[in-house]
Amino acid sequence: MSLTVNIYEAKTRLSAILSKIEETGETVVICRNGKPVAELRRAKPLPCDPFDVDPALRVTFHRDPSLPLDAEDWPEAFL
């Protein structure tokens, strides 16, 4: 079963409507002039691997980071 609301009610009661969707899983149909325009429904959970590394944190080393730097690898200010 779905709940039907007009645009004004959807704007003024959005927080309450979203809470109801979270609690019941009910679909809410938003209408303009009595005609359905959109549906709000509970989102599917995103797949998440807790052991996966965030891609923004990945680092690419072009050489072995445990090796000492050569003189040309140091900035001029540190020589």
N, C-alpha and C. Protein backbone atom coordinates (compact mmCIF):
# COMPACT_ATOMS: atom_id res chain seq x y z
N MET A 1 0.84 -1.19 0.00
CA MET A 1 0.00 0.00 0.00
C MET A 1 0.88 1.24 0.00
N SER A 2 0.46 2.28 -0.69
CA SER A 2 1.25 3.50 -0.72
C SER A 2 0.43 4.68 -0.24
N LEU A 3 1.12 5.63 0.31
CA LEU A 3 0.52 6.87 0.79
C LEU A 3 0.63 7.90 -0.33
N THR A 4 -0.38 8.71 -0.52
CA THR A 4 -0.38 9.75 -1.55
C THR A 4 -0.42 11.11 -0.88
N VAL A 5 0.49 12.00 -1.28
CA VAL A 5 0.53 13.37 -0.74
C VAL A 5 0.68 14.34 -1.90
N ASN A 6 0.23 15.59 -1.67
CA ASN A 6 0.44 16.61 -2.70
C ASN A 6 1.81 17.25 -2.47
N ILE A 7 2.24 18.06 -3.41
CA ILE A 7 3.58 18.65 -3.35
C ILE A 7 3.74 19.52 -2.12
N TYR A 8 2.73 20.34 -1.79
CA TYR A 8 2.83 21.22 -0.62
C TYR A 8 3.04 20.40 0.65
N GLU A 9 2.27 19.34 0.82
CA GLU A 9 2.40 18.49 2.01
C GLU A 9 3.77 17.81 2.03
N ALA A 10 4.25 17.37 0.87
CA ALA A 10 5.57 16.73 0.80
C ALA A 10 6.66 17.71 1.23
N LYS A 11 6.54 18.98 0.80
CA LYS A 11 7.56 19.98 1.17
C LYS A 11 7.51 20.29 2.66
N THR A 12 6.32 20.47 3.20
CA THR A 12 6.21 20.91 4.59
C THR A 12 6.43 19.77 5.59
N ARG A 13 6.18 18.51 5.17
CA ARG A 13 6.30 17.38 6.09
C ARG A 13 7.36 16.38 5.65
N LEU A 14 8.36 16.82 4.88
CA LEU A 14 9.34 15.89 4.31
C LEU A 14 10.02 15.04 5.38
N SER A 15 10.44 15.65 6.46
CA SER A 15 11.13 14.90 7.52
C SER A 15 10.25 13.80 8.09
N ALA A 16 8.99 14.11 8.37
CA ALA A 16 8.06 13.12 8.91
C ALA A 16 7.77 12.02 7.88
N ILE A 17 7.64 12.41 6.62
CA ILE A 17 7.40 11.42 5.56
C ILE A 17 8.58 10.47 5.45
N LEU A 18 9.79 11.01 5.47
CA LEU A 18 10.99 10.16 5.40
C LEU A 18 11.08 9.22 6.60
N SER A 19 10.73 9.71 7.78
CA SER A 19 10.73 8.85 8.97
C SER A 19 9.75 7.70 8.82
N LYS A 20 8.57 7.99 8.27
CA LYS A 20 7.56 6.95 8.07
C LYS A 20 8.06 5.92 7.06
N ILE A 21 8.73 6.38 6.01
CA ILE A 21 9.27 5.46 5.01
C ILE A 21 10.33 4.56 5.64
N GLU A 22 11.20 5.14 6.49
CA GLU A 22 12.23 4.35 7.17
C GLU A 22 11.61 3.29 8.07
N GLU A 23 10.57 3.67 8.81
CA GLU A 23 9.96 2.76 9.79
C GLU A 23 9.13 1.65 9.13
N THR A 24 8.33 2.02 8.13
CA THR A 24 7.37 1.06 7.58
C THR A 24 7.76 0.49 6.23
N GLY A 25 8.66 1.16 5.53
CA GLY A 25 9.02 0.73 4.19
C GLY A 25 7.96 1.08 3.16
N GLU A 26 6.98 1.87 3.57
CA GLU A 26 5.87 2.25 2.69
C GLU A 26 6.37 3.19 1.59
N THR A 27 5.76 3.10 0.42
CA THR A 27 6.06 3.99 -0.70
C THR A 27 5.13 5.19 -0.62
N VAL A 28 5.68 6.39 -0.87
CA VAL A 28 4.88 7.61 -0.85
C VAL A 28 4.85 8.16 -2.27
N VAL A 29 3.66 8.39 -2.78
CA VAL A 29 3.48 8.96 -4.12
C VAL A 29 3.21 10.45 -3.96
N ILE A 30 3.98 11.27 -4.66
CA ILE A 30 3.80 12.73 -4.62
C ILE A 30 3.04 13.13 -5.88
N CYS A 31 1.94 13.89 -5.67
CA CYS A 31 1.06 14.27 -6.78
C CYS A 31 1.05 15.78 -6.98
N ARG A 32 0.86 16.18 -8.24
CA ARG A 32 0.63 17.58 -8.59
C ARG A 32 -0.72 17.62 -9.30
N ASN A 33 -1.62 18.43 -8.77
CA ASN A 33 -2.98 18.53 -9.33
C ASN A 33 -3.65 17.16 -9.43
N GLY A 34 -3.39 16.31 -8.41
CA GLY A 34 -4.03 15.01 -8.36
C GLY A 34 -3.39 13.94 -9.24
N LYS A 35 -2.32 14.29 -9.96
CA LYS A 35 -1.67 13.32 -10.85
C LYS A 35 -0.30 12.94 -10.27
N PRO A 36 0.02 11.65 -10.20
CA PRO A 36 1.31 11.21 -9.65
C PRO A 36 2.48 11.78 -10.44
N VAL A 37 3.46 12.30 -9.70
CA VAL A 37 4.66 12.87 -10.31
C VAL A 37 5.91 12.08 -9.92
N ALA A 38 5.97 11.63 -8.66
CA ALA A 38 7.17 10.94 -8.18
C ALA A 38 6.79 9.98 -7.07
N GLU A 39 7.71 9.04 -6.82
CA GLU A 39 7.56 8.10 -5.71
C GLU A 39 8.78 8.19 -4.81
N LEU A 40 8.52 8.16 -3.52
CA LEU A 40 9.60 8.06 -2.53
C LEU A 40 9.50 6.69 -1.90
N ARG A 41 10.62 5.98 -1.85
CA ARG A 41 10.62 4.66 -1.21
C ARG A 41 11.97 4.47 -0.52
N ARG A 42 12.00 3.50 0.36
CA ARG A 42 13.22 3.21 1.11
C ARG A 42 14.33 2.82 0.13
N ALA A 43 15.51 3.37 0.34
CA ALA A 43 16.66 3.07 -0.51
C ALA A 43 17.25 1.72 -0.13
N LYS A 44 17.78 1.04 -1.12
CA LYS A 44 18.48 -0.22 -0.85
C LYS A 44 19.82 0.11 -0.20
N PRO A 45 20.26 -0.69 0.76
CA PRO A 45 21.56 -0.40 1.38
C PRO A 45 22.68 -0.55 0.36
N LEU A 46 23.66 0.32 0.46
CA LEU A 46 24.81 0.25 -0.43
C LEU A 46 25.73 -0.87 -0.01
N PRO A 47 26.25 -1.63 -0.96
CA PRO A 47 27.20 -2.68 -0.58
C PRO A 47 28.49 -2.03 -0.07
N CYS A 48 28.94 -2.50 1.06
CA CYS A 48 30.13 -1.91 1.67
C CYS A 48 30.98 -3.02 2.25
N ASP A 49 32.23 -3.05 1.86
CA ASP A 49 33.17 -4.01 2.41
C ASP A 49 33.98 -3.29 3.48
N PRO A 50 33.81 -3.63 4.76
CA PRO A 50 34.53 -2.91 5.81
C PRO A 50 36.04 -3.08 5.74
N PHE A 51 36.52 -4.07 4.99
CA PHE A 51 37.95 -4.30 4.89
C PHE A 51 38.56 -3.68 3.64
N ASP A 52 37.74 -3.05 2.80
CA ASP A 52 38.23 -2.42 1.59
C ASP A 52 38.80 -1.05 1.93
N VAL A 53 39.86 -0.67 1.27
CA VAL A 53 40.49 0.62 1.50
C VAL A 53 39.79 1.67 0.65
N ASP A 54 39.59 2.83 1.23
CA ASP A 54 38.98 3.94 0.49
C ASP A 54 39.91 4.30 -0.67
N PRO A 55 39.39 4.38 -1.90
CA PRO A 55 40.25 4.68 -3.05
C PRO A 55 40.98 6.01 -2.92
N ALA A 56 40.42 6.95 -2.17
CA ALA A 56 41.09 8.23 -2.00
C ALA A 56 42.34 8.11 -1.14
N LEU A 57 42.47 7.02 -0.39
CA LEU A 57 43.62 6.84 0.50
C LEU A 57 44.73 6.01 -0.13
N ARG A 58 44.50 5.51 -1.32
CA ARG A 58 45.52 4.68 -1.98
C ARG A 58 46.71 5.53 -2.41
N VAL A 59 47.90 4.98 -2.23
CA VAL A 59 49.14 5.66 -2.60
C VAL A 59 49.90 4.77 -3.57
N THR A 60 50.43 5.36 -4.63
CA THR A 60 51.23 4.62 -5.59
C THR A 60 52.68 5.03 -5.43
N PHE A 61 53.53 4.06 -5.14
CA PHE A 61 54.96 4.32 -5.03
C PHE A 61 55.62 3.94 -6.35
N HIS A 62 56.43 4.83 -6.85
CA HIS A 62 57.12 4.57 -8.11
C HIS A 62 58.46 3.88 -7.88
N ARG A 63 58.86 3.80 -6.64
CA ARG A 63 60.09 3.10 -6.27
C ARG A 63 59.94 2.63 -4.85
N ASP A 64 60.87 1.85 -4.38
CA ASP A 64 60.81 1.29 -3.03
C ASP A 64 60.97 2.41 -2.00
N PRO A 65 59.96 2.67 -1.17
CA PRO A 65 60.04 3.78 -0.21
C PRO A 65 61.03 3.53 0.93
N SER A 66 61.51 2.31 1.06
CA SER A 66 62.47 2.05 2.13
C SER A 66 63.91 2.39 1.72
N LEU A 67 64.14 2.64 0.42
CA LEU A 67 65.48 3.00 -0.05
C LEU A 67 65.75 4.47 0.23
N PRO A 68 67.01 4.81 0.53
CA PRO A 68 67.33 6.23 0.75
C PRO A 68 67.18 7.02 -0.55
N LEU A 69 66.93 8.32 -0.40
CA LEU A 69 66.79 9.19 -1.56
C LEU A 69 68.16 9.57 -2.11
N ASP A 70 68.23 9.73 -3.41
CA ASP A 70 69.45 10.22 -4.05
C ASP A 70 69.47 11.73 -3.92
N ALA A 71 70.60 12.34 -4.20
CA ALA A 71 70.74 13.81 -4.08
C ALA A 71 69.76 14.53 -4.98
N GLU A 72 69.48 14.01 -6.18
CA GLU A 72 68.56 14.71 -7.09
C GLU A 72 67.10 14.58 -6.65
N ASP A 73 66.80 13.66 -5.71
CA ASP A 73 65.44 13.50 -5.21
C ASP A 73 65.08 14.55 -4.15
N TRP A 74 66.08 15.18 -3.54
CA TRP A 74 65.84 16.17 -2.49
C TRP A 74 65.59 17.55 -3.10
N PRO A 75 64.65 18.32 -2.56
CA PRO A 75 64.46 19.69 -3.03
C PRO A 75 65.69 20.55 -2.70
N GLU A 76 65.91 21.58 -3.49
CA GLU A 76 67.06 22.48 -3.31
C GLU A 76 67.14 23.04 -1.88
N ALA A 77 65.99 23.33 -1.29
CA ALA A 77 65.96 23.96 0.04
C ALA A 77 66.55 23.05 1.12
N PHE A 78 66.61 21.75 0.89
CA PHE A 78 67.09 20.82 1.91
C PHE A 78 68.54 20.41 1.70
N LEU A 79 69.19 20.90 0.65
CA LEU A 79 70.59 20.52 0.40
C LEU A 79 71.54 21.42 1.12
